[in-house]
């Protein structure tokens, strides 16, 4: 799957519900530059400061956001038929990477070892990792994300399951000088239960008359 020219939505901040159409290549390799000073400031915050969470939220509120799994007509919740098209992609986030026994660079390389991984980068805060995944989700992204989570858990990786399961999910722009990406990824095939066919039932309790007797 060639994914770089996939069209998604880019929003100026979390309050923007209309945004503009951009390709993932535009967003990941150039559009983030508008927020580079904020990304640097976010990564320089003192985690032990009493107002760290407040400072973090303040900066994040200024960052651009973009969709991954779909191109939307609008982010507004009161708009029907918000999904214009599905992309065949989803996103995963791994926060607190060190708690899983990896450093950020190790985690990036490990995630990229899967052929369905399109792109891996540091999160905007610099403490976590995010990845864009090619996935054969059909119309059930939540079920596909559950399967993806199980695949990664078997490899010892635990992802944030609150993100990536909705076509309207957005993520903040980020930057990583050592980003990893492949132009052509192999979508993860989702295990689907085959529908159970009802077996035909034949009535063997019938009577014969003389005409049908042998």
N, C-alpha and C. Protein backbone atom coordinates (compact mmCIF):
# COMPACT_ATOMS: atom_id res chain seq x y z
N UNK A 1 0.84 -1.19 0.00
CA UNK A 1 0.00 0.00 0.00
C UNK A 1 0.88 1.24 0.00
N UNK A 2 0.72 2.08 -1.02
CA UNK A 2 1.44 3.36 -1.07
C UNK A 2 0.54 4.40 -0.40
N UNK A 3 1.03 4.99 0.67
CA UNK A 3 0.17 5.77 1.55
C UNK A 3 0.52 7.26 1.65
N UNK A 4 1.69 7.67 1.22
CA UNK A 4 2.15 9.04 1.44
C UNK A 4 1.23 10.09 0.82
N UNK A 5 0.62 9.78 -0.30
CA UNK A 5 -0.26 10.75 -0.96
C UNK A 5 -1.71 10.63 -0.52
N UNK A 6 -1.95 9.89 0.53
CA UNK A 6 -3.31 9.76 1.07
C UNK A 6 -3.79 11.10 1.61
N UNK A 7 -4.99 11.49 1.23
CA UNK A 7 -5.56 12.76 1.69
C UNK A 7 -6.27 12.58 3.03
N UNK A 8 -5.94 13.49 3.96
CA UNK A 8 -6.58 13.53 5.27
C UNK A 8 -6.88 14.99 5.61
N UNK A 9 -7.34 15.23 6.83
CA UNK A 9 -7.67 16.58 7.26
C UNK A 9 -6.60 17.13 8.19
N UNK A 10 -6.24 18.39 8.00
CA UNK A 10 -5.33 19.09 8.91
C UNK A 10 -6.08 20.25 9.53
N UNK A 11 -6.06 20.31 10.87
CA UNK A 11 -6.78 21.35 11.61
C UNK A 11 -5.78 22.26 12.31
N UNK A 12 -6.10 23.55 12.37
CA UNK A 12 -5.16 24.52 12.94
C UNK A 12 -4.97 24.33 14.44
N UNK A 13 -5.99 23.78 15.12
CA UNK A 13 -5.91 23.47 16.55
C UNK A 13 -7.12 22.60 16.91
N UNK A 14 -7.26 22.33 18.19
CA UNK A 14 -8.34 21.46 18.62
C UNK A 14 -9.73 22.04 18.48
N UNK A 15 -9.82 23.35 18.32
CA UNK A 15 -11.13 24.00 18.17
C UNK A 15 -11.59 24.07 16.71
N UNK A 16 -10.66 23.89 15.80
CA UNK A 16 -10.98 23.95 14.37
C UNK A 16 -11.74 22.68 13.96
N UNK A 17 -12.94 22.84 13.42
CA UNK A 17 -13.73 21.67 13.02
C UNK A 17 -13.79 21.49 11.51
N UNK A 18 -13.29 22.46 10.76
CA UNK A 18 -13.36 22.39 9.30
C UNK A 18 -12.03 21.97 8.67
N UNK A 19 -10.96 22.63 9.06
CA UNK A 19 -9.64 22.25 8.59
C UNK A 19 -9.47 22.39 7.09
N UNK A 20 -8.44 21.73 6.59
CA UNK A 20 -8.16 21.72 5.16
C UNK A 20 -7.64 20.35 4.76
N UNK A 21 -7.74 20.05 3.48
CA UNK A 21 -7.30 18.75 2.98
C UNK A 21 -5.81 18.82 2.65
N UNK A 22 -5.06 17.88 3.21
CA UNK A 22 -3.63 17.78 2.94
C UNK A 22 -3.28 16.30 2.80
N UNK A 23 -2.14 16.02 2.19
CA UNK A 23 -1.67 14.64 2.15
C UNK A 23 -0.86 14.36 3.42
N UNK A 24 -0.76 13.10 3.77
CA UNK A 24 0.06 12.75 4.92
C UNK A 24 1.51 13.15 4.70
N UNK A 25 1.97 13.09 3.47
CA UNK A 25 3.33 13.53 3.18
C UNK A 25 3.50 15.00 3.51
N UNK A 26 2.52 15.83 3.14
CA UNK A 26 2.57 17.26 3.46
C UNK A 26 2.69 17.47 4.96
N UNK A 27 1.84 16.78 5.71
CA UNK A 27 1.75 17.00 7.15
C UNK A 27 3.00 16.51 7.87
N UNK A 28 3.43 15.29 7.55
CA UNK A 28 4.53 14.67 8.29
C UNK A 28 5.89 15.25 7.96
N UNK A 29 6.03 15.82 6.74
CA UNK A 29 7.35 16.29 6.32
C UNK A 29 7.48 17.80 6.18
N UNK A 30 6.37 18.54 6.25
CA UNK A 30 6.50 19.99 6.12
C UNK A 30 5.53 20.80 6.98
N UNK A 31 4.25 20.42 7.03
CA UNK A 31 3.27 21.24 7.74
C UNK A 31 3.56 21.38 9.23
N UNK A 32 4.23 20.41 9.82
CA UNK A 32 4.55 20.47 11.24
C UNK A 32 5.43 21.67 11.58
N UNK A 33 6.15 22.19 10.57
CA UNK A 33 7.09 23.29 10.81
C UNK A 33 6.43 24.51 11.43
N UNK A 34 5.14 24.69 11.16
CA UNK A 34 4.42 25.83 11.73
C UNK A 34 4.41 25.77 13.26
N UNK A 35 4.55 24.57 13.81
CA UNK A 35 4.50 24.39 15.26
C UNK A 35 5.83 23.96 15.86
N UNK A 36 6.91 24.07 15.10
CA UNK A 36 8.17 23.52 15.58
C UNK A 36 8.62 24.16 16.89
N UNK A 37 8.41 25.48 17.05
CA UNK A 37 8.84 26.13 18.30
C UNK A 37 8.03 25.62 19.49
N UNK A 38 6.74 25.36 19.28
CA UNK A 38 5.91 24.82 20.35
C UNK A 38 6.30 23.38 20.69
N UNK A 39 6.65 22.59 19.68
CA UNK A 39 7.07 21.21 19.93
C UNK A 39 8.36 21.20 20.75
N UNK A 40 9.30 22.07 20.40
CA UNK A 40 10.55 22.17 21.16
C UNK A 40 10.26 22.60 22.59
N UNK A 41 9.38 23.60 22.76
CA UNK A 41 9.03 24.08 24.10
C UNK A 41 8.37 22.98 24.92
N UNK A 42 7.52 22.19 24.28
CA UNK A 42 6.84 21.10 24.97
C UNK A 42 7.83 20.06 25.47
N UNK A 43 8.81 19.75 24.67
CA UNK A 43 9.80 18.75 25.05
C UNK A 43 10.79 19.26 26.09
N UNK A 44 10.89 20.59 26.21
CA UNK A 44 11.80 21.18 27.19
C UNK A 44 11.16 21.40 28.55
N UNK A 45 9.86 21.12 28.68
CA UNK A 45 9.19 21.34 29.96
C UNK A 45 9.77 20.45 31.06
N UNK A 46 9.77 20.98 32.27
CA UNK A 46 10.22 20.23 33.43
C UNK A 46 9.08 19.35 33.93
N UNK A 47 9.24 18.04 33.79
CA UNK A 47 8.18 17.12 34.19
C UNK A 47 7.87 17.17 35.68
N UNK A 48 8.82 17.63 36.46
CA UNK A 48 8.64 17.68 37.92
C UNK A 48 8.04 18.99 38.40
N UNK A 49 7.85 19.93 37.49
CA UNK A 49 7.26 21.22 37.88
C UNK A 49 5.81 21.02 38.31
N UNK A 50 5.36 21.72 39.35
CA UNK A 50 3.98 21.54 39.83
C UNK A 50 2.92 21.89 38.80
N UNK A 51 3.26 22.76 37.87
CA UNK A 51 2.28 23.15 36.84
C UNK A 51 2.58 22.51 35.49
N UNK A 52 3.30 21.38 35.51
CA UNK A 52 3.68 20.74 34.25
C UNK A 52 2.48 20.40 33.39
N UNK A 53 1.46 19.78 33.97
CA UNK A 53 0.29 19.38 33.18
C UNK A 53 -0.42 20.58 32.57
N UNK A 54 -0.49 21.68 33.32
CA UNK A 54 -1.12 22.90 32.79
C UNK A 54 -0.31 23.45 31.62
N UNK A 55 1.01 23.52 31.78
CA UNK A 55 1.86 24.01 30.69
C UNK A 55 1.74 23.11 29.47
N UNK A 56 1.70 21.82 29.70
CA UNK A 56 1.60 20.86 28.61
C UNK A 56 0.30 21.06 27.83
N UNK A 57 -0.81 21.20 28.55
CA UNK A 57 -2.11 21.41 27.88
C UNK A 57 -2.13 22.72 27.12
N UNK A 58 -1.55 23.76 27.70
CA UNK A 58 -1.53 25.07 27.05
C UNK A 58 -0.82 25.01 25.71
N UNK A 59 0.32 24.34 25.68
CA UNK A 59 1.08 24.23 24.43
C UNK A 59 0.34 23.34 23.43
N UNK A 60 -0.16 22.21 23.89
CA UNK A 60 -0.86 21.30 22.98
C UNK A 60 -2.08 21.95 22.34
N UNK A 61 -2.72 22.85 23.07
CA UNK A 61 -3.89 23.55 22.52
C UNK A 61 -3.54 24.42 21.32
N UNK A 62 -2.26 24.70 21.14
CA UNK A 62 -1.82 25.52 20.00
C UNK A 62 -1.37 24.68 18.81
N UNK A 63 -1.23 23.38 19.02
CA UNK A 63 -0.69 22.52 17.96
C UNK A 63 -1.75 22.17 16.92
N UNK A 64 -1.29 22.00 15.68
CA UNK A 64 -2.16 21.49 14.63
C UNK A 64 -2.48 20.01 14.91
N UNK A 65 -3.60 19.57 14.35
CA UNK A 65 -4.02 18.18 14.49
C UNK A 65 -4.39 17.64 13.12
N UNK A 66 -4.32 16.33 12.97
CA UNK A 66 -4.72 15.75 11.68
C UNK A 66 -5.35 14.38 11.88
N UNK A 67 -6.19 14.01 10.93
CA UNK A 67 -6.77 12.67 10.93
C UNK A 67 -5.79 11.69 10.30
N UNK A 68 -6.04 10.43 10.49
CA UNK A 68 -5.23 9.36 9.89
C UNK A 68 -6.12 8.34 9.18
N UNK A 69 -7.20 7.93 9.82
CA UNK A 69 -8.02 6.83 9.31
C UNK A 69 -9.04 7.25 8.27
N UNK A 70 -9.31 8.55 8.15
CA UNK A 70 -10.36 8.97 7.21
C UNK A 70 -10.17 10.42 6.79
N UNK A 71 -10.77 10.74 5.66
CA UNK A 71 -10.94 12.12 5.22
C UNK A 71 -12.36 12.51 5.61
N UNK A 72 -12.50 13.58 6.38
CA UNK A 72 -13.79 13.96 6.93
C UNK A 72 -14.37 15.17 6.20
N UNK A 73 -15.69 15.29 6.28
CA UNK A 73 -16.35 16.50 5.79
C UNK A 73 -16.29 17.58 6.85
N UNK A 74 -16.28 17.15 8.13
CA UNK A 74 -16.22 18.08 9.26
C UNK A 74 -15.94 17.28 10.53
N UNK A 75 -15.34 17.94 11.53
CA UNK A 75 -15.17 17.32 12.84
C UNK A 75 -16.36 17.58 13.75
N UNK A 76 -17.24 18.48 13.36
CA UNK A 76 -18.37 18.85 14.20
C UNK A 76 -19.25 17.63 14.47
N UNK A 77 -19.57 17.39 15.74
CA UNK A 77 -20.31 16.19 16.11
C UNK A 77 -21.75 16.22 15.64
N UNK A 78 -22.27 17.42 15.37
CA UNK A 78 -23.68 17.50 14.94
C UNK A 78 -23.84 17.31 13.43
N UNK A 79 -22.75 17.05 12.74
CA UNK A 79 -22.80 16.84 11.29
C UNK A 79 -22.95 15.35 11.00
N UNK A 80 -23.95 15.01 10.21
CA UNK A 80 -24.14 13.61 9.82
C UNK A 80 -23.21 13.27 8.66
N UNK A 81 -22.92 12.00 8.52
CA UNK A 81 -22.07 11.53 7.41
C UNK A 81 -20.75 12.30 7.36
N UNK A 82 -20.05 12.31 8.49
CA UNK A 82 -18.79 13.04 8.57
C UNK A 82 -17.66 12.38 7.78
N UNK A 83 -17.77 11.08 7.57
CA UNK A 83 -16.68 10.35 6.91
C UNK A 83 -16.86 10.41 5.40
N UNK A 84 -15.96 11.11 4.74
CA UNK A 84 -16.01 11.21 3.28
C UNK A 84 -15.38 9.98 2.63
N UNK A 85 -14.25 9.54 3.18
CA UNK A 85 -13.59 8.34 2.67
C UNK A 85 -12.67 7.77 3.73
N UNK A 86 -12.48 6.46 3.70
CA UNK A 86 -11.57 5.78 4.61
C UNK A 86 -10.20 5.66 3.94
N UNK A 87 -9.14 5.66 4.74
CA UNK A 87 -7.79 5.67 4.18
C UNK A 87 -7.12 4.30 4.17
N UNK A 88 -7.63 3.34 4.94
CA UNK A 88 -6.93 2.07 5.07
C UNK A 88 -5.77 2.15 6.05
N UNK A 89 -5.77 3.21 6.86
CA UNK A 89 -4.70 3.43 7.83
C UNK A 89 -5.30 3.65 9.21
N UNK A 90 -4.47 3.47 10.23
CA UNK A 90 -4.84 3.87 11.58
C UNK A 90 -3.58 4.30 12.30
N UNK A 91 -3.74 4.73 13.55
CA UNK A 91 -2.62 5.21 14.34
C UNK A 91 -2.54 4.45 15.65
N UNK A 92 -1.34 4.31 16.17
CA UNK A 92 -1.17 3.76 17.51
C UNK A 92 -0.26 4.68 18.30
N UNK A 93 -0.50 4.73 19.60
CA UNK A 93 0.31 5.53 20.51
C UNK A 93 0.85 4.65 21.61
N UNK A 94 2.09 4.85 21.96
CA UNK A 94 2.70 4.16 23.09
C UNK A 94 3.28 5.22 24.01
N UNK A 95 2.61 5.45 25.12
CA UNK A 95 3.08 6.40 26.11
C UNK A 95 3.95 5.67 27.13
N UNK A 96 4.77 6.44 27.84
CA UNK A 96 5.61 5.85 28.89
C UNK A 96 6.38 4.65 28.35
N UNK A 97 7.11 4.89 27.28
CA UNK A 97 7.86 3.83 26.60
C UNK A 97 8.81 3.12 27.54
N UNK A 98 9.49 3.89 28.40
CA UNK A 98 10.50 3.29 29.27
C UNK A 98 9.89 2.30 30.25
N UNK A 99 8.60 2.49 30.58
CA UNK A 99 7.94 1.57 31.51
C UNK A 99 7.78 0.18 30.90
N UNK A 100 7.87 0.07 29.58
CA UNK A 100 7.79 -1.23 28.91
C UNK A 100 9.17 -1.84 28.66
N UNK A 101 10.20 -1.20 29.22
CA UNK A 101 11.54 -1.76 29.12
C UNK A 101 12.31 -1.36 27.88
N UNK A 102 11.83 -0.35 27.16
CA UNK A 102 12.50 0.13 25.95
C UNK A 102 12.88 1.60 26.14
N UNK A 103 13.84 2.05 25.34
CA UNK A 103 13.95 3.49 25.18
C UNK A 103 13.23 3.84 23.88
N UNK A 104 13.06 5.13 23.62
CA UNK A 104 12.24 5.56 22.48
C UNK A 104 12.78 5.02 21.16
N UNK A 105 14.08 5.09 20.96
CA UNK A 105 14.66 4.65 19.68
C UNK A 105 14.50 3.14 19.50
N UNK A 106 14.66 2.38 20.58
CA UNK A 106 14.46 0.92 20.49
C UNK A 106 13.02 0.60 20.11
N UNK A 107 12.09 1.30 20.74
CA UNK A 107 10.68 1.06 20.45
C UNK A 107 10.36 1.39 19.00
N UNK A 108 10.90 2.49 18.50
CA UNK A 108 10.67 2.87 17.10
C UNK A 108 11.15 1.78 16.16
N UNK A 109 12.37 1.29 16.39
CA UNK A 109 12.93 0.26 15.50
C UNK A 109 12.11 -1.03 15.58
N UNK A 110 11.65 -1.37 16.77
CA UNK A 110 10.87 -2.59 16.92
C UNK A 110 9.55 -2.48 16.18
N UNK A 111 8.84 -1.37 16.34
CA UNK A 111 7.57 -1.19 15.63
C UNK A 111 7.76 -1.20 14.13
N UNK A 112 8.87 -0.63 13.68
CA UNK A 112 9.12 -0.55 12.24
C UNK A 112 9.48 -1.90 11.64
N UNK A 113 9.80 -2.87 12.48
CA UNK A 113 10.15 -4.21 11.97
C UNK A 113 8.93 -4.93 11.40
N UNK A 114 7.73 -4.45 11.72
CA UNK A 114 6.51 -5.05 11.16
C UNK A 114 6.24 -4.46 9.78
N UNK A 115 5.93 -5.33 8.82
CA UNK A 115 5.74 -4.87 7.44
C UNK A 115 4.51 -4.00 7.27
N UNK A 116 3.59 -4.02 8.23
CA UNK A 116 2.39 -3.18 8.13
C UNK A 116 2.60 -1.77 8.70
N UNK A 117 3.78 -1.49 9.24
CA UNK A 117 4.07 -0.17 9.80
C UNK A 117 4.53 0.77 8.69
N UNK A 118 3.81 1.87 8.52
CA UNK A 118 4.14 2.86 7.49
C UNK A 118 5.14 3.89 7.99
N UNK A 119 4.95 4.34 9.23
CA UNK A 119 5.68 5.50 9.73
C UNK A 119 5.79 5.40 11.25
N UNK A 120 6.97 5.74 11.79
CA UNK A 120 7.17 5.75 13.24
C UNK A 120 7.92 7.01 13.62
N UNK A 121 7.49 7.65 14.71
CA UNK A 121 8.10 8.90 15.14
C UNK A 121 7.92 9.08 16.64
N UNK A 122 8.70 9.97 17.20
CA UNK A 122 8.44 10.42 18.57
C UNK A 122 7.11 11.15 18.60
N UNK A 123 6.43 11.07 19.73
CA UNK A 123 5.23 11.87 19.93
C UNK A 123 5.63 13.33 20.09
N UNK A 124 4.65 14.23 20.08
CA UNK A 124 4.97 15.65 20.18
C UNK A 124 5.66 15.99 21.50
N UNK A 125 5.36 15.24 22.56
CA UNK A 125 6.00 15.50 23.86
C UNK A 125 7.41 14.94 23.92
N UNK A 126 7.72 14.01 23.00
CA UNK A 126 9.05 13.41 22.98
C UNK A 126 9.21 12.22 23.89
N UNK A 127 8.22 11.95 24.75
CA UNK A 127 8.32 10.85 25.71
C UNK A 127 7.77 9.54 25.17
N UNK A 128 6.93 9.63 24.17
CA UNK A 128 6.28 8.44 23.64
C UNK A 128 6.57 8.26 22.16
N UNK A 129 5.91 7.27 21.60
CA UNK A 129 6.10 6.93 20.19
C UNK A 129 4.72 6.77 19.55
N UNK A 130 4.61 7.21 18.30
CA UNK A 130 3.38 6.92 17.56
C UNK A 130 3.75 6.30 16.23
N UNK A 131 2.81 5.55 15.69
CA UNK A 131 3.04 4.90 14.40
C UNK A 131 1.77 4.96 13.57
N UNK A 132 1.95 5.03 12.27
CA UNK A 132 0.85 4.93 11.32
C UNK A 132 0.89 3.53 10.74
N UNK A 133 -0.25 2.85 10.78
CA UNK A 133 -0.33 1.44 10.43
C UNK A 133 -1.27 1.23 9.25
N UNK A 134 -0.83 0.44 8.28
CA UNK A 134 -1.72 0.02 7.19
C UNK A 134 -2.51 -1.18 7.67
N UNK A 135 -3.84 -1.10 7.56
CA UNK A 135 -4.68 -2.13 8.15
C UNK A 135 -5.92 -2.39 7.30
N UNK A 136 -6.24 -3.65 7.13
CA UNK A 136 -7.41 -4.05 6.36
C UNK A 136 -8.62 -4.07 7.30
N UNK A 137 -9.14 -2.88 7.60
CA UNK A 137 -10.17 -2.75 8.64
C UNK A 137 -11.58 -2.94 8.12
N UNK A 138 -11.79 -2.77 6.83
CA UNK A 138 -13.16 -2.80 6.33
C UNK A 138 -13.96 -1.68 6.95
N UNK A 139 -15.16 -1.98 7.42
CA UNK A 139 -16.00 -0.97 8.07
C UNK A 139 -15.99 -1.08 9.59
N UNK A 140 -15.09 -1.88 10.13
CA UNK A 140 -15.07 -2.08 11.58
C UNK A 140 -13.68 -1.78 12.12
N UNK A 141 -13.38 -0.50 12.26
CA UNK A 141 -12.05 -0.10 12.71
C UNK A 141 -11.80 -0.51 14.16
N UNK A 142 -12.82 -0.45 15.00
CA UNK A 142 -12.64 -0.84 16.40
C UNK A 142 -12.21 -2.30 16.51
N UNK A 143 -12.86 -3.17 15.75
CA UNK A 143 -12.51 -4.59 15.78
C UNK A 143 -11.11 -4.80 15.22
N UNK A 144 -10.75 -4.04 14.19
CA UNK A 144 -9.42 -4.14 13.61
C UNK A 144 -8.36 -3.69 14.61
N UNK A 145 -8.65 -2.62 15.36
CA UNK A 145 -7.70 -2.15 16.36
C UNK A 145 -7.54 -3.16 17.49
N UNK A 146 -8.61 -3.85 17.83
CA UNK A 146 -8.53 -4.89 18.85
C UNK A 146 -7.59 -6.00 18.39
N UNK A 147 -7.72 -6.38 17.13
CA UNK A 147 -6.84 -7.43 16.58
C UNK A 147 -5.39 -6.94 16.55
N UNK A 148 -5.17 -5.69 16.13
CA UNK A 148 -3.82 -5.13 16.09
C UNK A 148 -3.21 -5.11 17.49
N UNK A 149 -4.00 -4.71 18.47
CA UNK A 149 -3.52 -4.68 19.85
C UNK A 149 -3.09 -6.07 20.31
N UNK A 150 -3.85 -7.09 19.93
CA UNK A 150 -3.51 -8.47 20.30
C UNK A 150 -2.22 -8.92 19.63
N UNK A 151 -2.04 -8.54 18.37
CA UNK A 151 -0.81 -8.89 17.65
C UNK A 151 0.40 -8.29 18.36
N UNK A 152 0.30 -7.01 18.75
CA UNK A 152 1.42 -6.34 19.39
C UNK A 152 1.64 -6.85 20.81
N UNK A 153 0.56 -7.19 21.51
CA UNK A 153 0.71 -7.72 22.86
C UNK A 153 1.49 -9.03 22.85
N UNK A 154 1.26 -9.85 21.83
CA UNK A 154 2.00 -11.11 21.72
C UNK A 154 3.50 -10.85 21.55
N UNK A 155 3.82 -9.67 21.02
CA UNK A 155 5.23 -9.29 20.86
C UNK A 155 5.74 -8.51 22.06
N UNK A 156 4.88 -8.37 23.09
CA UNK A 156 5.30 -7.69 24.31
C UNK A 156 5.10 -6.19 24.32
N UNK A 157 4.29 -5.67 23.38
CA UNK A 157 4.06 -4.24 23.27
C UNK A 157 2.61 -3.92 23.62
N UNK A 158 2.43 -2.95 24.49
CA UNK A 158 1.09 -2.55 24.91
C UNK A 158 0.82 -1.12 24.44
N UNK A 159 -0.24 -0.96 23.65
CA UNK A 159 -0.55 0.34 23.07
C UNK A 159 -1.72 0.98 23.80
N UNK A 160 -1.88 2.29 23.59
CA UNK A 160 -3.01 3.03 24.15
C UNK A 160 -4.24 2.70 23.31
N UNK A 161 -5.13 1.86 23.84
CA UNK A 161 -6.28 1.40 23.06
C UNK A 161 -7.40 2.43 22.98
N UNK A 162 -7.24 3.58 23.64
CA UNK A 162 -8.27 4.62 23.56
C UNK A 162 -8.16 5.43 22.27
N UNK A 163 -7.07 5.25 21.53
CA UNK A 163 -6.84 6.00 20.30
C UNK A 163 -6.76 5.06 19.10
N UNK A 164 -7.24 5.57 17.97
CA UNK A 164 -7.10 4.82 16.72
C UNK A 164 -8.30 3.98 16.34
N UNK A 165 -9.26 3.82 17.25
CA UNK A 165 -10.40 2.97 16.95
C UNK A 165 -11.57 3.68 16.28
N UNK A 166 -11.48 5.00 16.17
CA UNK A 166 -12.54 5.79 15.52
C UNK A 166 -11.99 6.47 14.28
N UNK A 167 -12.79 6.51 13.23
CA UNK A 167 -12.34 7.15 12.00
C UNK A 167 -12.12 8.65 12.18
N UNK A 168 -12.74 9.24 13.20
CA UNK A 168 -12.62 10.68 13.42
C UNK A 168 -11.46 11.04 14.36
N UNK A 169 -10.74 10.05 14.87
CA UNK A 169 -9.64 10.34 15.79
C UNK A 169 -8.57 11.19 15.12
N UNK A 170 -8.08 12.17 15.86
CA UNK A 170 -7.01 13.05 15.37
C UNK A 170 -5.77 12.87 16.23
N UNK A 171 -4.66 13.37 15.71
CA UNK A 171 -3.44 13.38 16.50
C UNK A 171 -2.71 14.69 16.26
N UNK A 172 -1.87 15.08 17.23
CA UNK A 172 -1.09 16.30 17.12
C UNK A 172 0.07 16.11 16.14
N UNK A 173 0.43 17.18 15.45
CA UNK A 173 1.62 17.12 14.61
C UNK A 173 2.85 16.93 15.51
N UNK A 174 3.88 16.36 14.95
CA UNK A 174 5.10 16.12 15.70
C UNK A 174 6.29 16.22 14.77
N UNK A 175 7.48 16.07 15.35
CA UNK A 175 8.70 16.10 14.54
C UNK A 175 9.72 15.16 15.14
N UNK A 176 10.44 14.48 14.27
CA UNK A 176 11.49 13.56 14.70
C UNK A 176 12.53 13.51 13.59
N UNK A 177 13.74 13.95 13.90
CA UNK A 177 14.81 13.93 12.90
C UNK A 177 15.15 12.51 12.48
N UNK A 178 14.82 11.53 13.33
CA UNK A 178 15.12 10.13 13.03
C UNK A 178 13.84 9.32 12.79
N UNK A 179 12.87 9.95 12.16
CA UNK A 179 11.64 9.23 11.81
C UNK A 179 11.96 8.04 10.90
N UNK A 180 11.13 7.03 10.97
CA UNK A 180 11.28 5.85 10.12
C UNK A 180 10.03 5.70 9.28
N UNK A 181 10.20 5.45 7.99
CA UNK A 181 9.02 5.24 7.15
C UNK A 181 9.36 4.40 5.93
N UNK A 182 8.36 3.71 5.44
CA UNK A 182 8.47 2.98 4.18
C UNK A 182 7.33 3.44 3.28
N UNK A 183 7.61 3.61 2.02
CA UNK A 183 6.61 4.14 1.10
C UNK A 183 5.52 3.13 0.77
N UNK A 184 5.86 1.86 0.84
CA UNK A 184 4.90 0.81 0.47
C UNK A 184 4.81 -0.19 1.62
N UNK A 185 3.70 -0.17 2.34
CA UNK A 185 3.51 -1.07 3.48
C UNK A 185 2.49 -2.15 3.13
N UNK A 186 2.61 -3.28 3.81
CA UNK A 186 1.69 -4.40 3.58
C UNK A 186 0.60 -4.37 4.65
N UNK A 187 -0.65 -4.08 4.29
CA UNK A 187 -1.71 -3.96 5.30
C UNK A 187 -1.86 -5.21 6.15
N UNK A 188 -2.07 -4.99 7.44
CA UNK A 188 -2.33 -6.10 8.35
C UNK A 188 -3.69 -6.69 8.04
N UNK A 189 -3.73 -7.99 7.81
CA UNK A 189 -4.99 -8.67 7.54
C UNK A 189 -5.68 -8.97 8.87
N UNK A 190 -6.95 -8.67 8.92
CA UNK A 190 -7.70 -8.83 10.16
C UNK A 190 -8.39 -10.18 10.20
N UNK A 191 -8.28 -10.84 11.34
CA UNK A 191 -8.95 -12.11 11.53
C UNK A 191 -10.45 -11.86 11.65
N UNK A 192 -11.21 -12.43 10.79
CA UNK A 192 -12.66 -12.27 10.82
C UNK A 192 -13.32 -13.64 10.94
N UNK A 193 -14.28 -13.72 11.82
CA UNK A 193 -15.02 -14.98 11.98
C UNK A 193 -15.95 -15.19 10.80
N UNK A 194 -15.90 -16.38 10.21
CA UNK A 194 -16.77 -16.67 9.08
C UNK A 194 -18.21 -16.85 9.57
N UNK A 195 -19.16 -16.32 8.83
CA UNK A 195 -20.56 -16.48 9.25
C UNK A 195 -20.96 -17.95 9.25
N UNK A 196 -21.72 -18.32 10.26
CA UNK A 196 -22.17 -19.70 10.38
C UNK A 196 -23.41 -19.91 9.51
N UNK A 197 -23.32 -20.87 8.60
CA UNK A 197 -24.45 -21.15 7.73
C UNK A 197 -25.43 -22.08 8.43
N UNK A 198 -26.69 -21.74 8.31
CA UNK A 198 -27.72 -22.60 8.88
C UNK A 198 -27.84 -23.89 8.06
N UNK A 199 -27.77 -25.01 8.74
CA UNK A 199 -27.88 -26.28 8.04
C UNK A 199 -29.34 -26.58 7.71
N UNK A 200 -29.54 -27.14 6.55
CA UNK A 200 -30.90 -27.50 6.15
C UNK A 200 -31.42 -28.62 7.06
N UNK A 201 -32.67 -28.50 7.44
CA UNK A 201 -33.30 -29.50 8.30
C UNK A 201 -34.37 -30.22 7.49
N UNK A 202 -34.28 -31.52 7.46
CA UNK A 202 -35.23 -32.32 6.68
C UNK A 202 -36.16 -33.07 7.63
N UNK A 203 -37.42 -33.05 7.33
CA UNK A 203 -38.41 -33.74 8.14
C UNK A 203 -38.48 -35.21 7.70
N UNK A 204 -38.08 -36.09 8.60
CA UNK A 204 -38.10 -37.52 8.26
C UNK A 204 -39.34 -38.21 8.78
N UNK A 205 -40.18 -37.45 9.47
CA UNK A 205 -41.43 -38.04 10.00
C UNK A 205 -42.54 -37.88 8.97
N UNK A 206 -42.59 -38.79 8.02
CA UNK A 206 -43.64 -38.71 7.01
C UNK A 206 -44.32 -40.07 6.89
N UNK A 207 -45.52 -40.02 6.42
CA UNK A 207 -46.29 -41.25 6.27
C UNK A 207 -46.33 -41.66 4.80
N UNK A 208 -46.39 -42.91 4.58
CA UNK A 208 -46.53 -43.40 3.21
C UNK A 208 -47.90 -44.01 3.04
N UNK A 209 -48.36 -43.99 1.84
CA UNK A 209 -49.61 -44.69 1.55
C UNK A 209 -49.31 -45.82 0.56
N UNK A 210 -50.30 -46.45 0.21
CA UNK A 210 -50.08 -47.60 -0.67
C UNK A 210 -49.47 -47.23 -1.99
N UNK A 211 -49.76 -46.02 -2.48
CA UNK A 211 -49.26 -45.62 -3.79
C UNK A 211 -47.76 -45.41 -3.78
N UNK A 212 -47.23 -45.00 -2.60
CA UNK A 212 -45.81 -44.72 -2.52
C UNK A 212 -45.01 -45.92 -2.02
N UNK A 213 -45.70 -46.93 -1.58
CA UNK A 213 -44.98 -48.08 -1.03
C UNK A 213 -44.27 -48.83 -2.14
N UNK A 214 -43.12 -49.43 -1.87
CA UNK A 214 -42.39 -50.18 -2.90
C UNK A 214 -43.10 -51.46 -3.26
